Protein backbone atom coordinates (compact mmCIF):
# COMPACT_ATOMS: atom_id res chain seq x y z
CA MET A 1 -95.67 40.98 100.78
CA ASN A 2 -92.24 40.97 99.15
CA GLU A 3 -91.23 38.08 101.39
CA ILE A 4 -94.22 36.06 100.15
CA ILE A 5 -93.35 36.79 96.51
CA ILE A 6 -89.71 35.88 97.09
CA ALA A 7 -90.72 32.65 98.82
CA PHE A 8 -93.11 31.81 95.98
CA LEU A 9 -90.49 32.50 93.29
CA THR A 10 -87.90 30.53 95.23
CA ALA A 11 -90.23 27.54 95.46
CA LEU A 12 -91.15 27.85 91.78
CA VAL A 13 -87.53 28.06 90.62
CA GLY A 14 -86.57 25.20 92.91
CA GLY A 15 -89.39 23.08 91.52
CA LEU A 16 -88.40 23.82 87.96
CA ILE A 17 -84.76 23.04 88.67
CA GLY A 18 -85.75 19.84 90.45
CA THR A 19 -88.03 18.73 87.59
CA TYR A 20 -85.38 19.53 84.99
CA SER A 21 -82.68 17.78 86.99
CA GLY A 22 -84.86 14.73 87.48
CA ALA A 23 -85.76 14.53 83.80
CA ARG A 24 -82.14 15.09 82.86
CA PHE A 25 -81.05 12.30 85.20
CA LEU A 26 -83.62 9.90 83.74
CA ASN A 27 -82.57 10.73 80.19
CA LEU A 28 -78.91 10.19 81.02
CA ARG A 29 -79.73 6.87 82.69
CA GLU A 30 -81.79 5.69 79.70
CA ASP A 31 -79.05 6.82 77.32
CA TYR A 32 -76.49 4.91 79.36
CA LYS A 33 -78.64 1.77 79.31
CA MET A 34 -79.18 2.05 75.56
CA LYS A 35 -75.47 2.47 74.93
CA LYS A 36 -74.87 -0.74 76.87
CA VAL A 37 -77.45 -2.59 74.75
CA ARG A 38 -75.92 -1.23 71.55
CA ALA A 39 -72.53 -2.45 72.76
CA ILE A 40 -73.97 -5.93 73.34
CA ALA A 41 -75.45 -6.00 69.82
CA ILE A 42 -72.13 -4.88 68.33
CA LYS A 43 -70.32 -7.50 70.40
CA ALA A 44 -72.63 -10.16 68.90
CA LEU A 45 -71.96 -8.87 65.39
CA ASP A 46 -68.21 -8.86 65.99
CA VAL A 47 -68.43 -12.56 66.86
CA ILE A 48 -70.22 -13.24 63.58
CA LYS A 49 -67.84 -11.05 61.58
CA LYS A 50 -64.91 -13.26 62.61
CA TYR A 51 -66.36 -15.88 60.28
CA SER A 52 -66.56 -13.59 57.26
CA LYS A 53 -66.90 -15.44 53.91
CA GLN A 54 -67.98 -18.57 55.79
CA SER A 55 -71.47 -19.85 56.53
CA TYR A 56 -73.40 -18.32 59.43
CA MET A 57 -73.73 -21.90 60.71
CA ASN A 58 -69.98 -21.92 61.41
CA ALA A 59 -70.45 -18.98 63.82
CA GLU A 60 -73.35 -20.61 65.67
CA SER A 61 -71.41 -22.26 68.51
CA ASP A 62 -69.18 -19.23 69.14
CA PHE A 63 -72.20 -16.93 69.14
CA ASN A 64 -74.09 -19.02 71.68
CA THR A 65 -71.16 -19.26 74.07
CA SER A 66 -69.96 -15.66 73.71
CA LEU A 67 -73.27 -14.08 74.77
CA SER A 68 -75.18 -14.74 77.97
CA ILE A 69 -78.88 -15.58 77.88
CA THR A 70 -79.67 -12.11 79.25
CA GLU A 71 -77.62 -10.43 76.52
CA LYS A 72 -79.25 -12.51 73.80
CA ARG A 73 -82.72 -11.68 75.11
CA MET A 74 -81.98 -7.97 74.72
CA VAL A 75 -80.70 -8.03 71.13
CA ILE A 76 -81.67 -11.24 69.33
CA VAL A 77 -84.93 -9.96 67.80
CA ALA A 78 -83.25 -6.75 66.64
CA LEU A 79 -80.45 -8.72 64.97
CA HIS A 80 -82.93 -10.96 63.18
CA LYS A 81 -84.94 -7.97 61.93
CA LEU A 82 -81.74 -6.32 60.74
CA GLY A 83 -80.93 -9.30 58.52
CA ILE A 84 -79.03 -11.87 60.57
CA PRO A 85 -80.48 -15.17 59.24
CA MET A 86 -81.89 -17.30 62.06
CA GLY A 87 -84.32 -20.19 62.02
CA VAL A 88 -86.01 -22.83 64.13
CA PRO A 89 -85.47 -26.48 63.09
CA ALA A 90 -88.61 -28.45 62.31
CA ASN A 91 -88.07 -30.87 65.21
CA GLU A 92 -87.36 -28.17 67.82
CA VAL A 93 -88.99 -25.19 69.51
CA PHE A 94 -87.27 -21.86 69.97
CA ASP A 95 -84.57 -22.06 72.65
CA ILE A 96 -82.71 -18.87 73.58
CA ARG A 97 -79.78 -20.99 74.79
CA LYS A 98 -79.21 -22.39 71.31
CA ILE A 99 -79.74 -19.88 68.53
CA HIS A 100 -79.68 -21.49 65.08
CA PHE A 101 -78.26 -19.71 62.04
CA LEU A 102 -79.12 -20.46 58.43
CA ASP A 103 -76.68 -21.54 55.76
CA LYS A 104 -75.85 -18.17 54.25
CA VAL A 105 -72.37 -16.77 53.59
CA ILE A 106 -71.38 -13.97 55.97
CA ASP A 107 -70.71 -10.70 54.18
CA LYS A 108 -68.40 -8.43 56.20
CA ASP A 109 -69.73 -5.29 54.48
CA GLU A 110 -73.32 -6.20 55.42
CA ILE A 111 -72.29 -6.69 59.05
CA ASP A 112 -70.45 -3.36 59.07
CA GLY A 113 -73.58 -1.70 57.71
CA ILE A 114 -75.67 -3.11 60.55
CA VAL A 115 -73.06 -1.99 63.10
CA PHE A 116 -73.23 1.53 61.67
CA GLN A 117 -77.03 1.62 62.03
CA ILE A 118 -76.80 0.43 65.64
CA GLU A 119 -74.05 2.91 66.56
CA LYS A 120 -76.15 5.79 65.22
CA GLY A 121 -79.12 4.68 67.31
CA TYR A 122 -81.34 3.98 64.31
CA CYS A 123 -82.37 0.58 65.71
CA ASP A 124 -83.00 1.42 69.37
CA ASN A 125 -86.72 0.67 69.02
CA LEU A 126 -85.92 -2.94 68.04
CA PHE A 127 -84.20 -3.85 71.30
CA TYR A 128 -85.81 -5.47 74.36
CA GLN A 129 -88.47 -7.30 72.28
CA ASP A 130 -89.36 -10.66 73.77
CA PRO A 131 -87.70 -13.35 71.60
CA ASP A 132 -89.97 -16.20 72.75
CA THR A 133 -93.10 -14.35 71.64
CA TYR A 134 -91.45 -13.12 68.45
CA PHE A 135 -90.17 -16.50 67.27
CA ALA A 136 -93.32 -18.31 68.40
CA ALA A 137 -95.37 -15.92 66.26
CA ASN A 138 -93.18 -16.83 63.28
CA TYR A 139 -93.04 -20.54 64.05
CA THR A 140 -95.65 -21.45 61.42
CA LEU A 141 -93.59 -19.71 58.75
CA PHE A 142 -90.43 -21.50 59.89
CA ALA A 143 -92.31 -24.82 59.79
CA MET A 144 -93.47 -24.13 56.21
CA ARG A 145 -89.92 -23.33 55.12
CA ASN A 146 -88.67 -26.53 56.74
CA ALA A 147 -91.32 -28.51 54.85
CA GLY A 148 -90.22 -26.83 51.62
CA LYS A 149 -86.58 -27.65 52.25
CA LYS A 150 -87.51 -31.24 53.06
CA TYR A 151 -89.24 -31.54 49.68
CA VAL A 152 -86.12 -30.26 47.91
CA LYS A 153 -83.78 -32.57 49.84
CA GLU A 154 -85.91 -35.72 49.88
CA ILE A 155 -87.82 -35.49 46.60
CA LEU A 156 -86.54 -32.92 44.11
CA SER A 157 -82.89 -33.95 44.60
CA LYS A 158 -83.83 -37.55 43.70
CA MET A 159 -86.17 -36.67 40.84
CA VAL A 160 -85.32 -37.22 37.17
CA ILE A 161 -86.65 -35.79 33.89
CA ASN A 162 -87.28 -37.94 30.85
CA PRO A 163 -85.02 -36.30 28.21
CA GLU A 164 -87.53 -37.11 25.44
CA THR A 165 -90.93 -36.39 27.00
CA LYS A 166 -89.63 -33.79 29.49
CA GLN A 167 -91.86 -35.35 32.13
CA PHE A 168 -90.82 -35.22 35.80
CA LYS A 169 -90.72 -38.41 37.82
CA GLU A 170 -90.73 -38.27 41.63
CA PRO A 171 -88.80 -40.98 43.50
CA MET A 172 -91.95 -42.10 45.36
CA ASN A 173 -95.68 -42.01 44.73
CA ASP A 174 -96.79 -41.87 48.35
CA LEU A 175 -95.45 -38.63 49.83
CA SER A 176 -97.33 -39.31 53.07
CA ARG A 177 -94.42 -41.58 53.99
CA ILE A 178 -92.26 -38.54 54.73
CA PHE A 179 -94.74 -35.64 54.97
CA THR A 180 -97.59 -35.00 57.35
CA LEU A 181 -100.84 -33.83 55.78
CA GLY A 182 -100.15 -30.30 57.02
CA GLU A 183 -96.66 -30.29 55.48
CA PHE A 184 -98.03 -31.64 52.19
CA LYS A 185 -100.68 -28.92 52.08
CA ALA A 186 -97.97 -26.30 52.69
CA ILE A 187 -95.70 -27.47 49.85
CA GLN A 188 -98.28 -28.11 47.11
CA VAL A 189 -97.80 -24.80 45.31
CA LEU A 190 -94.03 -24.84 45.86
CA ARG A 191 -93.98 -28.38 44.48
CA GLU A 192 -95.56 -27.16 41.24
CA GLN A 193 -93.24 -24.18 40.91
CA VAL A 194 -89.90 -25.93 41.51
CA ARG A 195 -90.55 -28.55 38.85
CA ASP A 196 -88.42 -26.51 36.51
CA GLN A 197 -85.82 -27.72 34.03
CA MET A 198 -83.36 -25.12 35.30
CA TYR A 199 -82.65 -27.44 38.25
CA PHE A 200 -81.72 -30.36 35.97
CA ASP A 201 -78.94 -31.01 33.48
CA GLU A 202 -79.33 -32.09 29.87
CA ASN A 203 -79.50 -35.74 30.95
CA GLY A 204 -82.42 -35.04 33.27
CA GLN A 205 -80.39 -35.33 36.46
CA PRO A 206 -80.71 -32.77 39.29
CA ILE A 207 -77.95 -30.17 39.59
CA LYS A 208 -76.77 -30.16 43.23
CA GLU A 209 -75.40 -26.62 43.24
CA LYS A 210 -78.69 -25.17 42.01
CA LEU A 211 -80.69 -27.16 44.54
CA ASP A 212 -78.40 -25.90 47.32
CA THR A 213 -79.14 -22.35 46.16
CA LEU A 214 -82.86 -23.15 46.14
CA ILE A 215 -82.67 -24.31 49.77
CA LYS A 216 -80.90 -21.10 50.76
CA ASP A 217 -83.55 -19.05 48.95
CA ILE A 218 -86.27 -20.87 50.90
CA ASP A 219 -84.42 -20.14 54.14
CA MET A 220 -84.21 -16.46 53.23
CA GLY A 221 -87.96 -16.26 52.63
CA LEU A 222 -87.88 -15.80 48.85
CA TRP A 223 -90.42 -18.61 48.41
CA ASP A 224 -92.74 -17.61 51.28
CA SER A 225 -95.49 -16.35 48.97
CA TYR A 226 -95.75 -19.82 47.40
CA LEU A 227 -95.61 -21.63 50.75
CA MET A 228 -98.46 -19.47 52.07
CA TRP A 229 -100.57 -19.68 48.91
CA ASN A 230 -103.65 -21.85 49.29
CA TYR A 231 -103.45 -24.62 46.66
CA GLU A 232 -107.13 -24.35 45.66
CA ALA A 233 -106.71 -20.60 45.12
CA TYR A 234 -103.54 -21.28 43.13
CA GLN A 235 -105.37 -23.79 40.91
CA SER A 236 -108.16 -21.27 40.32
CA VAL A 237 -105.66 -18.63 39.19
CA MET A 238 -103.88 -21.10 36.90
CA MET A 239 -107.20 -22.17 35.34
CA GLN A 240 -108.08 -18.53 34.68
CA ILE A 241 -104.69 -17.97 33.03
CA GLN A 242 -105.09 -21.07 30.87
CA MET A 243 -108.64 -20.06 29.92
CA GLY A 244 -107.42 -16.57 29.01
CA GLN A 245 -104.64 -18.04 26.88
CA ALA A 246 -107.12 -20.37 25.15
CA ILE A 247 -109.50 -17.51 24.38
CA ALA A 248 -106.66 -15.33 23.11
CA GLY A 249 -105.41 -18.21 20.94
CA ALA A 250 -108.87 -18.83 19.52
CA ALA A 251 -109.31 -15.13 18.77
CA GLN A 252 -105.94 -14.99 17.05
CA ARG A 253 -106.80 -18.03 14.91
CA THR A 254 -110.14 -16.42 13.95
CA VAL A 255 -108.34 -13.25 12.83
CA VAL A 256 -105.84 -15.29 10.79
CA ASN A 257 -108.63 -17.28 9.15
CA GLU A 258 -110.52 -14.09 8.26
CA VAL A 259 -107.37 -12.59 6.72
CA ASP A 260 -106.75 -15.80 4.73
CA THR A 261 -110.38 -15.82 3.53
CA LYS A 262 -110.17 -12.21 2.35
CA THR A 263 -106.88 -12.95 0.59
CA GLU A 264 -108.39 -15.93 -1.22
CA LYS A 265 -111.39 -13.86 -2.35
CA LYS A 266 -109.10 -11.18 -3.77
CA LYS A 267 -107.21 -13.80 -5.73
CA GLU A 268 -110.46 -15.02 -7.23
């Protein structure tokens, strides 16, 4: 009887040790793999950091040659989600061999902050995401931003304001010459919003530095809400605002008239 109990306990202990050892081995292997991926991500960031205070576009060639396709596939989505500005040109599809960066100045402190997050393991869940699927899913958004930038470069930068009437004049009446119907639909709300005097000097001429900043803002997604806003819905909202302002103005004038009438009666 004792021999049976001993045999049973031996088998049980052996099984527990084996299970624990196996789980421990798997955890160590996964930890080792994750450390390698973190190292690849940090390697990519170190390449970018060499170009501190320059445009990300200056680091593009070095980045693409310093990392293998396999390495980029492991970390590229994570880097984009962590704030590294990437885009897909309007005339191209996503190509892992040629990652494109946007025209934003590289901030060393921002890069160091991302490195810190990666080293601590805070971003492990972002690795190994398929870049083709990820960037394809965002392709429509990239296309809208490209259409917005095209409007700024081809139209707004050549537009003038009449100093007297403050009216905007576009360099061409037929925008279909440079925009597809889909692109035109995408930029209609943006087109209304960027017709702002802040982008023009006192003589009605466009200010290049401010337009360059506008293009960077579009790249960074700050104008996405306007690019994705249906123009008919936008017009409806604007009409409601104008109607509300008209009603408020009429009400205010009525109150003023009533006060004036009462004042006149008192004088009599």
